[in-house]
């Protein structure tokens, strides 16, 4: 009987551990690349205002490595953008999944031909198309593209996703049988205690406080004894590393166990894009804005609507009673099961406050669940209901055309509106004006400005300092790899540099002998590139004309002549 019970227990444990993996096909998809999978980023990793929706595969710091379709399917979407995923392909597979390949350098010849035809039809580098189902079929292992660094990529790599075709929810690609060498436990960097109820105290403090811990002989960690009273919570800073890479990637799962009972359990098996911005409720956003580190909370705040939780008791919050003792165990895991354990002994003890939380009170109180309107000098601000996660007192100051409303320590969940009265400026002056946000060095950064009469409006998700700025200087254009009147017979590309020092580049266009040509814009390198393989040149003498316009309409025109047989 005892053996049978133990066997049954083992089966339950094994089933629980492997359920996530076996819920997804294990031998259906091949790797998107013919190189070892070494990751620069993991699924669910904490990014700015969102969770990472795929894995980032290292490409040996190079561009141009071949990318293959992971299974039979049909291309359902292709997008070419200056931002985001840059050049990206979406392939729908018969088994209900869609694979996504981002930051591509270029497409395979058949796809490149398809997309360039569209670009020339629309006379635009940026295009998006949804081919009819079956028009662009892909076989498993077929070359579809080459790896690159396009869009908002910070370096050469392949961004790879697998989504549900029905719900478009991204799922962790490593659950599909892909092998990434990983024998390393997650790393725990910092631990914090949070007094959460009105009279709660942690280590004589009623505000967030860092806690000390030490590594034990068995590899686990033990925190110094914590004295507390009231409702408290914990948070940590940590990361995970896979073998062969130094990247500090995201942790797959967390468990918080209080006196043997699971209070919190979440993992990054899947999530929806619509909830991704709620990452700002999972982390301590104020701490992140100040110190650049993300504390992940082991407890759940009222505004947290994330679906990543498998178990949650008392919202992960711990009620500490005077005279009682508690043992809190935190387990950080990666997908391979490598685990880092931390034990936190807590003693229920009421102590005199030595560190008192500073509270800000102003004349401007924002009620998160209601719409809010504020005025300051020439500006008005409108916050729709549920713009913010919590109520707060807001700093509001203005001087001339500059308005400061609070700072970056409070995250917004959706756009709000800032409106400036520009009636004191003439109509000619207004043409060169725009709304700018001042960065940490007080340098103005252009934000999209809508002009209607004497009113300037922008929509944004960022608190801070905004002003009216003026730009009267046109962009600059210069040749990069050629000179005027040069023969370019052996050249594959024609390259120019375009820059704008203030409001930023808005549009550009190029013609050769008055015929529109496709120029690829790489904003990270300020480069426009024409590929001679487009074969639109009909004469040896080529008159090139490039026109670049910034965000307030200042325009620069560059003309030159080159020759090519």
Protein backbone atom coordinates (compact mmCIF):
# COMPACT_ATOMS: atom_id res chain seq x y z
CA UNK A 1 0.00 0.00 0.00
CA UNK A 2 2.83 2.36 0.97
CA UNK A 3 4.69 1.65 -2.30
CA UNK A 4 1.52 2.28 -4.28
CA UNK A 5 0.98 5.59 -2.47
CA UNK A 6 4.56 6.70 -3.12
CA UNK A 7 4.29 5.71 -6.78
CA UNK A 8 1.02 7.63 -7.12
CA UNK A 9 2.60 10.67 -5.46
CA UNK A 10 5.55 10.50 -7.85
CA UNK A 11 3.23 10.29 -10.85
CA UNK A 12 1.28 13.34 -9.68
CA UNK A 13 4.51 15.31 -9.18
CA UNK A 14 5.92 14.25 -12.53
CA UNK A 15 2.64 15.10 -14.27
CA UNK A 16 2.59 18.53 -12.63
CA UNK A 17 6.21 19.23 -13.59
CA UNK A 18 5.83 18.17 -17.22
CA UNK A 19 2.27 19.29 -17.89
CA UNK A 20 3.31 22.64 -19.39
CA UNK A 21 5.80 20.99 -21.74
CA UNK A 22 3.52 18.17 -22.90
CA UNK A 23 0.63 20.57 -23.52
CA UNK A 24 2.55 21.75 -26.59
CA UNK A 25 3.83 19.74 -29.59
CA UNK A 26 7.38 18.57 -28.91
CA UNK A 27 8.58 17.20 -32.26
CA UNK A 28 6.55 19.20 -34.77
CA UNK A 29 8.63 22.32 -35.20
CA UNK A 30 12.27 22.59 -36.22
CA UNK A 31 14.61 25.34 -35.06
CA UNK A 32 14.38 28.65 -36.96
CA UNK A 33 18.18 28.63 -37.29
CA UNK A 34 20.89 26.04 -37.95
CA UNK A 35 23.08 27.25 -35.10
CA UNK A 36 22.99 26.38 -31.39
CA UNK A 37 20.22 28.29 -29.61
CA UNK A 38 21.94 30.75 -27.29
CA UNK A 39 19.57 33.33 -25.86
CA UNK A 40 19.97 37.06 -25.40
CA UNK A 41 16.43 37.30 -24.03
CA UNK A 42 13.79 34.95 -22.62
CA UNK A 43 10.01 34.81 -22.81
CA UNK A 44 8.23 36.98 -20.24
CA UNK A 45 11.38 38.91 -19.49
CA UNK A 46 10.73 42.28 -17.87
CA UNK A 47 11.04 45.07 -20.42
CA UNK A 48 10.02 48.73 -20.46
CA UNK A 49 6.22 48.77 -19.99
CA UNK A 50 5.82 45.24 -21.37
CA UNK A 51 6.78 41.60 -21.08
CA UNK A 52 9.05 40.15 -23.75
CA UNK A 53 6.78 38.10 -26.03
CA UNK A 54 9.36 35.73 -27.48
CA UNK A 55 12.96 34.62 -27.22
CA UNK A 56 15.92 36.53 -28.63
CA UNK A 57 18.34 34.18 -30.37
CA UNK A 58 21.95 35.31 -30.63
CA UNK A 59 23.31 35.48 -34.18
CA UNK A 60 27.04 35.60 -33.39
CA UNK A 61 26.90 39.43 -33.41
CA UNK A 62 26.36 39.21 -37.15
CA UNK A 63 23.61 39.93 -39.65
CA UNK A 64 22.70 37.82 -42.64
CA UNK A 65 22.40 34.33 -41.12
CA UNK A 66 19.66 32.21 -42.75
CA UNK A 67 16.25 31.93 -41.04
CA UNK A 68 13.98 28.96 -41.80
CA UNK A 69 10.27 28.32 -41.43
CA UNK A 70 9.80 26.04 -38.40
CA UNK A 71 6.99 24.06 -40.03
CA UNK A 72 4.66 23.84 -43.02
CA UNK A 73 2.35 26.82 -43.20
CA UNK A 74 1.32 29.96 -44.99
CA UNK A 75 2.47 33.54 -44.50
CA UNK A 76 -0.40 35.59 -43.08
CA UNK A 77 1.37 38.87 -42.40
CA UNK A 78 4.51 40.75 -43.44
CA UNK A 79 5.44 44.11 -42.01
CA UNK A 80 8.30 46.49 -42.74
CA UNK A 81 8.63 49.24 -40.13
CA UNK A 82 11.24 51.66 -38.87
CA UNK A 83 10.38 50.66 -35.31
CA UNK A 84 9.14 47.66 -33.36
CA UNK A 85 10.03 44.37 -35.02
CA UNK A 86 11.43 46.10 -38.13
CA UNK A 87 11.11 43.54 -40.92
CA UNK A 88 8.92 40.71 -39.62
CA UNK A 89 7.16 37.61 -40.98
CA UNK A 90 4.16 35.76 -39.51
CA UNK A 91 3.52 32.14 -40.57
CA UNK A 92 0.30 30.31 -39.66
CA UNK A 93 0.71 26.53 -39.20
CA UNK A 94 -2.04 23.89 -39.62
CA UNK A 95 -1.81 22.83 -35.95
CA UNK A 96 -3.18 26.16 -34.70
CA UNK A 97 0.04 28.04 -33.99
CA UNK A 98 1.64 31.07 -35.63
CA UNK A 99 5.41 31.62 -35.69
CA UNK A 100 6.89 35.13 -35.78
CA UNK A 101 10.37 36.16 -36.97
CA UNK A 102 11.48 39.75 -36.23
CA UNK A 103 14.32 42.25 -36.80
CA UNK A 104 15.14 40.61 -40.15
CA UNK A 105 17.78 42.02 -42.46
CA UNK A 106 15.98 40.94 -45.63
CA UNK A 107 13.53 38.32 -46.84
CA UNK A 108 14.15 35.26 -49.02
CA UNK A 109 14.07 36.00 -52.78
CA UNK A 110 10.42 34.96 -53.27
CA UNK A 111 9.21 37.01 -50.28
CA UNK A 112 11.56 39.92 -51.08
CA UNK A 113 10.12 40.09 -54.60
CA UNK A 114 6.57 40.02 -53.23
CA UNK A 115 7.16 42.81 -50.69
CA UNK A 116 9.26 45.04 -52.98
CA UNK A 117 6.52 45.01 -55.57
CA UNK A 118 4.18 46.35 -52.90
CA UNK A 119 6.71 48.95 -51.73
CA UNK A 120 7.10 50.28 -55.26
CA UNK A 121 3.33 50.30 -55.77
CA UNK A 122 2.81 52.32 -52.58
CA UNK A 123 6.06 54.28 -52.96
CA UNK A 124 6.84 53.58 -49.33
CA UNK A 125 9.53 51.69 -47.42
CA UNK A 126 7.12 51.04 -44.55
CA UNK A 127 4.40 48.62 -45.59
CA UNK A 128 2.18 46.00 -44.01
CA UNK A 129 0.35 43.27 -45.90
CA UNK A 130 -1.88 40.33 -44.99
CA UNK A 131 -1.56 37.86 -47.90
CA UNK A 132 -4.59 35.72 -48.68
CA UNK A 133 -4.38 32.34 -46.97
CA UNK A 134 -2.32 30.02 -49.19
CA UNK A 135 -0.84 32.71 -51.45
CA UNK A 136 2.60 32.43 -49.86
CA UNK A 137 2.99 28.84 -48.71
CA UNK A 138 6.05 27.83 -46.72
CA UNK A 139 7.46 24.33 -46.25
CA UNK A 140 9.19 23.21 -43.09
CA UNK A 141 12.86 24.14 -43.32
CA UNK A 142 12.36 26.56 -46.22
CA UNK A 143 14.55 29.66 -46.22
CA UNK A 144 12.35 32.65 -45.38
CA UNK A 145 14.77 35.43 -44.43
CA UNK A 146 18.14 36.49 -43.08
CA UNK A 147 18.81 37.68 -39.55
CA UNK A 148 19.27 41.39 -38.96
CA UNK A 149 18.98 44.38 -36.66
CA UNK A 150 16.00 46.29 -38.07
CA UNK A 151 13.36 48.14 -36.09
CA UNK A 152 13.89 48.83 -32.40
CA UNK A 153 16.51 46.11 -32.03
CA UNK A 154 19.51 46.95 -29.85
CA UNK A 155 21.88 44.63 -31.74
CA UNK A 156 21.83 41.77 -34.28
CA UNK A 157 19.57 38.87 -33.21
CA UNK A 158 16.42 36.97 -34.17
CA UNK A 159 13.29 37.74 -32.21
CA UNK A 160 11.25 34.52 -32.37
CA UNK A 161 7.70 33.91 -31.16
CA UNK A 162 5.09 31.18 -31.21
CA UNK A 163 1.51 32.37 -30.75
CA UNK A 164 -1.90 30.78 -30.66
CA UNK A 165 -3.43 31.50 -34.08
CA UNK A 166 -6.92 31.71 -32.52
CA UNK A 167 -6.19 34.03 -29.58
CA UNK A 168 -2.87 35.58 -30.71
CA UNK A 169 -1.56 34.96 -27.20
CA UNK A 170 2.21 34.42 -27.29
CA UNK A 171 3.45 31.27 -25.59
CA UNK A 172 6.93 30.41 -24.36
CA UNK A 173 8.79 28.98 -27.40
CA UNK A 174 10.96 26.80 -25.16
CA UNK A 175 7.86 24.74 -24.29
CA UNK A 176 7.89 23.29 -27.83
CA UNK A 177 10.89 21.04 -27.38
CA UNK A 178 13.67 23.46 -28.27
CA UNK A 179 16.87 22.70 -26.43
CA UNK A 180 18.79 25.50 -24.76
CA UNK A 181 21.63 24.41 -22.51
CA UNK A 182 20.92 25.63 -18.99
CA UNK A 183 22.39 24.15 -15.81
CA UNK A 184 22.57 27.43 -13.90
CA UNK A 185 20.30 28.46 -11.05
CA UNK A 186 18.62 31.87 -11.17
CA UNK A 187 20.50 34.68 -9.43
CA UNK A 188 19.05 36.53 -6.45
CA UNK A 189 20.43 40.06 -6.12
CA UNK A 190 18.27 41.92 -3.61
CA UNK A 191 15.39 41.32 -1.20
CA UNK A 192 12.87 43.86 0.08
CA UNK A 193 10.14 43.95 2.70
CA UNK A 194 6.96 45.97 2.23
CA UNK A 195 4.64 47.20 5.04
CA UNK A 196 1.26 47.08 3.27
CA UNK A 197 -1.42 47.86 5.85
CA UNK A 198 -1.90 51.21 7.61
CA UNK A 199 -0.07 50.26 10.81
CA UNK A 200 2.29 47.66 9.36
CA UNK A 201 5.98 47.77 10.28
CA UNK A 202 8.94 45.82 8.87
CA UNK A 203 12.25 46.07 10.74
CA UNK A 204 11.13 49.32 12.44
CA UNK A 205 10.14 50.88 9.09
CA UNK A 206 6.75 51.64 7.57
CA UNK A 207 8.15 51.98 4.04
CA UNK A 208 9.91 49.60 1.67
CA UNK A 209 13.13 48.35 3.25
CA UNK A 210 16.00 46.26 1.90
CA UNK A 211 16.69 43.01 3.75
CA UNK A 212 19.97 41.15 4.14
CA UNK A 213 20.53 37.50 3.24
CA UNK A 214 23.46 35.07 3.05
CA UNK A 215 24.27 32.01 0.99
CA UNK A 216 24.21 28.69 2.88
CA UNK A 217 26.42 25.61 2.38
CA UNK A 218 23.68 23.80 0.46
CA UNK A 219 23.43 26.68 -2.05
CA UNK A 220 20.21 28.14 -0.67
CA UNK A 221 19.92 31.59 0.92
CA UNK A 222 18.87 32.59 4.42
CA UNK A 223 17.68 36.09 5.24
CA UNK A 224 18.38 37.78 8.54
CA UNK A 225 15.42 37.49 10.92
CA UNK A 226 12.71 40.00 10.09
CA UNK A 227 10.58 41.60 12.78
CA UNK A 228 7.20 42.75 11.57
CA UNK A 229 3.59 43.47 12.45
CA UNK A 230 0.49 43.88 10.28
CA UNK A 231 0.09 42.98 6.61
CA UNK A 232 3.41 42.74 4.81
CA UNK A 233 4.83 41.56 1.49
CA UNK A 234 8.15 40.76 -0.15
CA UNK A 235 9.85 41.61 -3.42
CA UNK A 236 13.12 40.64 -5.07
CA UNK A 237 15.55 41.67 -7.78
CA UNK A 238 16.98 38.77 -9.76
CA UNK A 239 17.73 37.29 -13.16
CA UNK A 240 18.50 34.01 -14.91
CA UNK A 241 21.38 32.99 -17.15
CA UNK A 242 21.54 30.21 -19.71
CA UNK A 243 24.78 28.40 -20.51
CA UNK A 244 27.16 29.99 -23.05
CA UNK A 245 25.72 33.50 -22.52
CA UNK A 246 26.37 36.31 -20.07
CA UNK A 247 22.98 37.95 -20.65
CA UNK A 248 20.87 38.62 -17.57
CA UNK A 249 17.61 37.08 -18.75
CA UNK A 250 14.20 36.74 -17.12
CA UNK A 251 13.15 34.22 -14.47
CA UNK A 252 10.52 31.68 -15.58
CA UNK A 253 8.57 31.16 -12.36
CA UNK A 254 8.20 32.18 -8.73
CA UNK A 255 6.74 30.46 -5.69
CA UNK A 256 6.18 32.08 -2.31
CA UNK A 257 5.37 29.63 0.49
CA UNK A 258 4.27 30.78 3.95
CA UNK A 259 4.43 28.21 6.74
CA UNK A 260 4.09 25.42 4.20
CA UNK A 261 1.20 26.99 2.21
CA UNK A 262 1.60 28.40 -1.28
CA UNK A 263 0.67 32.08 -1.21
CA UNK A 264 1.98 33.05 -4.65
CA UNK A 265 2.78 31.07 -7.76
CA UNK A 266 3.22 32.54 -11.20
CA UNK A 267 5.10 31.62 -14.37
CA UNK A 268 5.67 32.83 -17.89
CA UNK A 269 4.04 30.09 -19.93
CA UNK A 270 1.86 32.59 -21.82
CA UNK A 271 0.14 35.96 -21.51
CA UNK A 272 -1.89 38.29 -23.71
CA UNK A 273 -0.64 41.49 -25.31
CA UNK A 274 -3.62 43.37 -23.88
CA UNK A 275 -2.37 42.76 -20.32
CA UNK A 276 1.34 43.28 -20.96
CA UNK A 277 1.44 46.87 -19.69
CA UNK A 278 0.24 45.61 -16.28
CA UNK A 279 3.89 44.69 -15.81
CA UNK A 280 3.99 48.07 -14.07
CA UNK A 281 1.88 46.59 -11.26
CA UNK A 282 4.11 43.52 -10.91
CA UNK A 283 7.23 45.60 -10.39
CA UNK A 284 7.93 48.43 -7.96
CA UNK A 285 7.77 51.14 -10.62
CA UNK A 286 8.85 53.96 -8.34
CA UNK A 287 12.04 52.08 -7.43
CA UNK A 288 12.66 51.27 -11.10
CA UNK A 289 12.28 54.91 -12.19
CA UNK A 290 14.78 56.01 -9.55
CA UNK A 291 17.39 53.23 -9.59
CA UNK A 292 16.87 51.39 -12.89
CA UNK A 293 16.29 47.99 -11.21
CA UNK A 294 13.01 46.09 -11.31
CA UNK A 295 11.79 44.67 -8.00
CA UNK A 296 9.28 41.88 -8.71
CA UNK A 297 6.57 41.83 -6.07
CA UNK A 298 5.58 38.51 -4.52
CA UNK A 299 2.21 40.08 -3.67
CA UNK A 300 -0.58 41.37 -5.88
CA UNK A 301 -1.92 44.93 -5.77
CA UNK A 302 -5.62 45.70 -6.45
CA UNK A 303 -4.89 47.12 -9.93
CA UNK A 304 -2.89 44.05 -11.03
CA UNK A 305 -4.90 42.20 -13.72
CA UNK A 306 -2.20 39.83 -14.91
CA UNK A 307 -3.21 36.27 -15.80
CA UNK A 308 0.22 34.77 -15.03
CA UNK A 309 -0.80 33.59 -11.53
CA UNK A 310 -1.47 29.87 -11.08
CA UNK A 311 -2.09 30.20 -7.33
CA UNK A 312 -2.67 33.24 -5.17
CA UNK A 313 -3.69 33.29 -1.51
CA UNK A 314 -4.54 36.55 0.23
CA UNK A 315 -3.05 38.25 -2.84
CA UNK A 316 0.37 37.02 -1.69
CA UNK A 317 0.20 39.28 1.37
CA UNK A 318 1.16 37.96 4.80
CA UNK A 319 -0.73 38.92 7.96
CA UNK A 320 1.80 38.96 10.79
CA UNK A 321 0.43 38.69 14.34
CA UNK A 322 2.43 39.70 17.40
CA UNK A 323 3.97 36.73 19.21
CA UNK A 324 3.82 34.33 16.23
CA UNK A 325 6.63 33.13 13.99
CA UNK A 326 6.55 32.61 10.22
CA UNK A 327 8.80 30.91 7.71
CA UNK A 328 8.60 32.31 4.20
CA UNK A 329 10.25 30.40 1.38
CA UNK A 330 10.75 32.01 -2.03
CA UNK A 331 11.68 29.79 -4.98
CA UNK A 332 12.96 31.22 -8.25
CA UNK A 333 13.00 28.74 -11.13
CA UNK A 334 13.98 28.56 -14.77
CA UNK A 335 12.30 26.36 -17.36
CA UNK A 336 14.82 23.55 -16.81
CA UNK A 337 13.86 23.36 -13.13
CA UNK A 338 17.03 24.95 -11.79
CA UNK A 339 15.93 26.51 -8.51
CA UNK A 340 17.18 29.20 -6.15
CA UNK A 341 15.67 28.99 -2.64
CA UNK A 342 15.47 31.76 -0.08
CA UNK A 343 14.22 31.33 3.50
CA UNK A 344 12.97 34.40 5.39
CA UNK A 345 12.29 33.94 9.13
CA UNK A 346 9.71 36.43 10.39
CA UNK A 347 8.89 37.19 14.02
CA UNK A 348 5.65 38.95 14.88
CA UNK A 349 6.88 41.80 17.02
CA UNK A 350 5.67 45.36 17.45
CA UNK A 351 8.54 47.83 17.54
CA UNK A 352 8.90 51.59 17.61
CA UNK A 353 9.25 53.21 14.20
CA UNK A 354 12.72 54.43 13.33
CA UNK A 355 12.25 54.93 9.59
CA UNK A 356 9.05 56.79 8.72
CA UNK A 357 7.64 56.88 5.22
CA UNK A 358 7.62 60.32 3.67
CA UNK A 359 4.27 61.28 2.19
CA UNK A 360 3.74 63.91 -0.49
CA UNK A 361 0.66 66.13 -0.27
CA UNK A 362 -0.18 68.81 -2.84
CA UNK A 363 -3.26 70.70 -4.01
CA UNK A 364 -3.62 68.30 -6.92
CA UNK A 365 -5.04 64.88 -6.13
CA UNK A 366 -5.54 62.34 -8.91
CA UNK A 367 -8.33 59.81 -8.40
CA UNK A 368 -7.37 56.86 -10.58
CA UNK A 369 -10.89 55.53 -11.26
CA UNK A 370 -12.29 58.91 -12.31
CA UNK A 371 -11.49 61.38 -15.11
CA UNK A 372 -9.28 64.27 -13.96
CA UNK A 373 -8.75 67.75 -15.43
CA UNK A 374 -5.99 70.18 -14.44
CA UNK A 375 -4.86 73.57 -15.74
CA UNK A 376 -1.48 75.26 -15.43
CA UNK A 377 -0.67 78.46 -17.32
CA UNK A 378 -1.12 77.89 -21.07
CA UNK A 379 -1.62 74.15 -20.66
CA UNK A 380 -4.43 71.79 -19.74
CA UNK A 381 -4.15 68.11 -18.86
CA UNK A 382 -6.90 65.53 -19.13
CA UNK A 383 -6.54 62.10 -17.54
CA UNK A 384 -9.32 59.67 -18.58
CA UNK A 385 -10.62 57.33 -15.90
CA UNK A 386 -8.25 54.45 -15.11
CA UNK A 387 -5.25 56.20 -16.63
CA UNK A 388 -3.34 55.32 -13.46
CA UNK A 389 -3.23 52.27 -11.23
CA UNK A 390 -3.52 54.12 -7.92
CA UNK A 391 -4.60 57.51 -6.53
CA UNK A 392 -1.77 59.96 -5.87
CA UNK A 393 -0.90 63.56 -5.09
CA UNK A 394 0.59 65.26 -8.13
CA UNK A 395 3.16 68.03 -8.36
CA UNK A 396 2.04 70.66 -10.87
CA UNK A 397 4.17 73.64 -11.83
CA UNK A 398 4.48 75.93 -14.83
CA UNK A 399 6.74 78.69 -16.08
CA UNK A 400 6.03 80.45 -19.38
CA UNK A 401 5.48 77.66 -21.95
CA UNK A 402 6.87 74.88 -19.75
CA UNK A 403 4.70 72.70 -17.54
CA UNK A 404 5.82 70.03 -15.08
CA UNK A 405 3.28 67.56 -13.83
CA UNK A 406 4.82 65.13 -11.42
CA UNK A 407 7.68 62.91 -12.63
CA UNK A 408 8.46 59.53 -14.14
CA UNK A 409 7.94 57.64 -10.86
CA UNK A 410 4.21 57.11 -11.53
CA UNK A 411 3.32 54.89 -14.52
CA UNK A 412 0.30 55.54 -16.73
CA UNK A 413 -1.62 52.61 -18.17
CA UNK A 414 -3.10 54.48 -21.11
CA UNK A 415 -2.77 57.74 -23.00
CA UNK A 416 -3.75 61.08 -21.55
CA UNK A 417 -3.97 64.47 -23.26
CA UNK A 418 -1.89 67.64 -22.90
CA UNK A 419 -3.18 70.77 -24.63
CA UNK A 420 -1.27 74.05 -25.07
CA UNK A 421 -2.76 77.42 -26.01
CA UNK A 422 -0.44 78.82 -28.71
CA UNK A 423 -2.49 81.92 -29.54
CA UNK A 424 0.32 84.30 -28.51
CA UNK A 425 2.34 83.09 -31.50
CA UNK A 426 1.71 84.21 -35.07
CA UNK A 427 0.49 81.70 -37.64
CA UNK A 428 3.93 81.70 -39.27
CA UNK A 429 5.64 81.01 -35.93
CA UNK A 430 3.21 78.22 -35.12
CA UNK A 431 4.30 76.31 -38.23
CA UNK A 432 7.76 75.78 -36.68
CA UNK A 433 6.55 74.99 -33.15
CA UNK A 434 5.90 71.61 -31.56
CA UNK A 435 5.31 70.06 -28.15
CA UNK A 436 8.45 68.59 -26.65
CA UNK A 437 9.10 66.46 -23.57
CA UNK A 438 12.23 67.32 -21.61
CA UNK A 439 14.44 64.32 -20.90
CA UNK A 440 16.54 63.78 -17.76
CA UNK A 441 19.14 66.21 -19.14
CA UNK A 442 16.41 68.78 -19.92
CA UNK A 443 16.87 68.28 -23.65
CA UNK A 444 13.61 68.71 -25.61
CA UNK A 445 12.38 65.60 -27.43
CA UNK A 446 9.68 65.88 -30.09
CA UNK A 447 6.32 64.29 -29.34
CA UNK A 448 3.58 63.93 -31.93
CA UNK A 449 1.81 67.28 -32.04
CA UNK A 450 -1.69 67.83 -33.41
CA UNK A 451 -2.44 71.44 -34.40
CA UNK A 452 -5.94 72.84 -34.64
CA UNK A 453 -6.24 76.61 -34.83
CA UNK A 454 -4.30 78.04 -31.90
CA UNK A 455 -4.37 74.76 -30.00
CA UNK A 456 -1.50 72.25 -29.82
CA UNK A 457 -2.31 68.79 -28.45
CA UNK A 458 -0.38 65.61 -27.77
CA UNK A 459 -1.31 62.22 -26.35
CA UNK A 460 1.20 60.45 -24.14
CA UNK A 461 1.67 57.88 -21.37
CA UNK A 462 4.50 59.71 -19.60
CA UNK A 463 4.35 62.23 -16.79
CA UNK A 464 7.13 64.80 -16.64
CA UNK A 465 8.02 68.19 -18.09
CA UNK A 466 6.64 69.42 -21.41
CA UNK A 467 7.19 72.65 -23.31
CA UNK A 468 6.62 74.43 -26.61
CA UNK A 469 9.78 74.21 -28.73
CA UNK A 470 10.81 75.78 -32.04
CA UNK A 471 12.69 74.23 -34.96
CA UNK A 472 13.73 76.33 -37.95
CA UNK A 473 16.67 74.22 -39.15
CA UNK A 474 16.22 71.79 -42.04
CA UNK A 475 17.61 68.22 -41.97
CA UNK A 476 21.06 67.45 -43.37
CA UNK A 477 21.81 65.08 -46.28
CA UNK A 478 25.23 63.88 -47.37
CA UNK A 479 26.56 61.02 -49.55
CA UNK A 480 28.08 58.17 -47.60
CA UNK A 481 29.73 55.71 -50.01
CA UNK A 482 30.02 57.67 -53.26
CA UNK A 483 30.96 61.03 -54.76
CA UNK A 484 29.27 63.22 -57.35
CA UNK A 485 29.76 62.14 -60.99
CA UNK A 486 31.32 58.83 -59.91
CA UNK A 487 30.92 55.58 -61.88
CA UNK A 488 29.27 53.00 -59.60
CA UNK A 489 29.37 49.88 -61.79
CA UNK A 490 30.66 47.54 -59.07
CA UNK A 491 28.52 48.95 -56.27
CA UNK A 492 25.74 46.90 -54.70
CA UNK A 493 24.33 49.77 -52.68
CA UNK A 494 24.03 53.52 -52.80
CA UNK A 495 24.13 55.03 -49.32
CA UNK A 496 23.43 58.49 -47.85
CA UNK A 497 23.40 59.92 -44.35
CA UNK A 498 20.41 61.95 -43.16
CA UNK A 499 20.15 63.71 -39.80
CA UNK A 500 17.99 66.23 -38.00
CA UNK A 501 19.17 67.81 -34.78
CA UNK A 502 15.89 68.80 -33.18
CA UNK A 503 12.32 67.84 -34.10
CA UNK A 504 13.42 64.68 -35.93
CA UNK A 505 12.93 63.25 -39.41
CA UNK A 506 9.34 62.76 -40.48
CA UNK A 507 9.40 61.79 -44.17
CA UNK A 508 11.90 61.16 -46.95
CA UNK A 509 11.70 60.27 -50.63
CA UNK A 510 14.14 59.62 -53.45
CA UNK A 511 14.03 59.58 -57.25
CA UNK A 512 16.52 58.63 -59.94
CA UNK A 513 15.86 60.34 -63.26
CA UNK A 514 12.49 61.42 -61.80
CA UNK A 515 11.46 57.80 -61.11
CA UNK A 516 10.70 56.88 -57.48
CA UNK A 517 13.17 54.45 -55.93
CA UNK A 518 13.05 52.49 -52.71
CA UNK A 519 15.39 53.77 -50.01
CA UNK A 520 15.68 51.75 -46.82
CA UNK A 521 16.02 53.96 -43.75
CA UNK A 522 18.08 52.70 -40.81
CA UNK A 523 17.39 55.24 -38.07
CA UNK A 524 20.01 53.79 -35.70
CA UNK A 525 22.70 54.58 -38.29
CA UNK A 526 20.98 57.63 -39.86
CA UNK A 527 21.38 55.90 -43.21
CA UNK A 528 19.35 55.74 -46.42
CA UNK A 529 20.27 52.84 -48.71
CA UNK A 530 19.27 52.06 -52.30
CA UNK A 531 19.87 48.51 -53.57
CA UNK A 532 20.98 48.37 -57.20
CA UNK A 533 19.38 44.92 -57.50
CA UNK A 534 16.04 46.72 -57.81
CA UNK A 535 17.08 47.25 -61.46
CA UNK A 536 15.03 50.35 -62.14
CA UNK A 537 17.90 52.24 -63.78
CA UNK A 538 17.46 52.67 -67.53
CA UNK A 539 20.20 55.18 -68.38
CA UNK A 540 23.92 55.42 -67.67
CA UNK A 541 23.60 58.97 -66.37
CA UNK A 542 21.60 58.93 -63.14
CA UNK A 543 20.24 62.09 -61.58
CA UNK A 544 19.55 61.41 -57.90
CA UNK A 545 17.17 63.59 -55.90
CA UNK A 546 16.54 63.05 -52.18
CA UNK A 547 14.05 65.11 -50.17
CA UNK A 548 13.91 64.92 -46.36
CA UNK A 549 11.38 66.71 -44.15
CA UNK A 550 11.42 67.06 -40.37
CA UNK A 551 8.46 67.00 -38.00
CA UNK A 552 7.62 70.70 -38.37
CA UNK A 553 7.95 70.82 -42.15
CA UNK A 554 11.53 72.05 -42.62
CA UNK A 555 12.67 70.45 -45.88
CA UNK A 556 16.09 69.71 -47.35
CA UNK A 557 16.66 68.72 -50.97
CA UNK A 558 19.82 67.02 -52.18
CA UNK A 559 20.64 66.44 -55.85
CA UNK A 560 23.64 64.82 -57.48
CA UNK A 561 24.64 62.79 -60.52
CA UNK A 562 26.33 59.40 -60.77
CA UNK A 563 26.93 56.95 -63.60
CA UNK A 564 26.29 53.23 -63.95
CA UNK A 565 26.26 50.79 -66.88
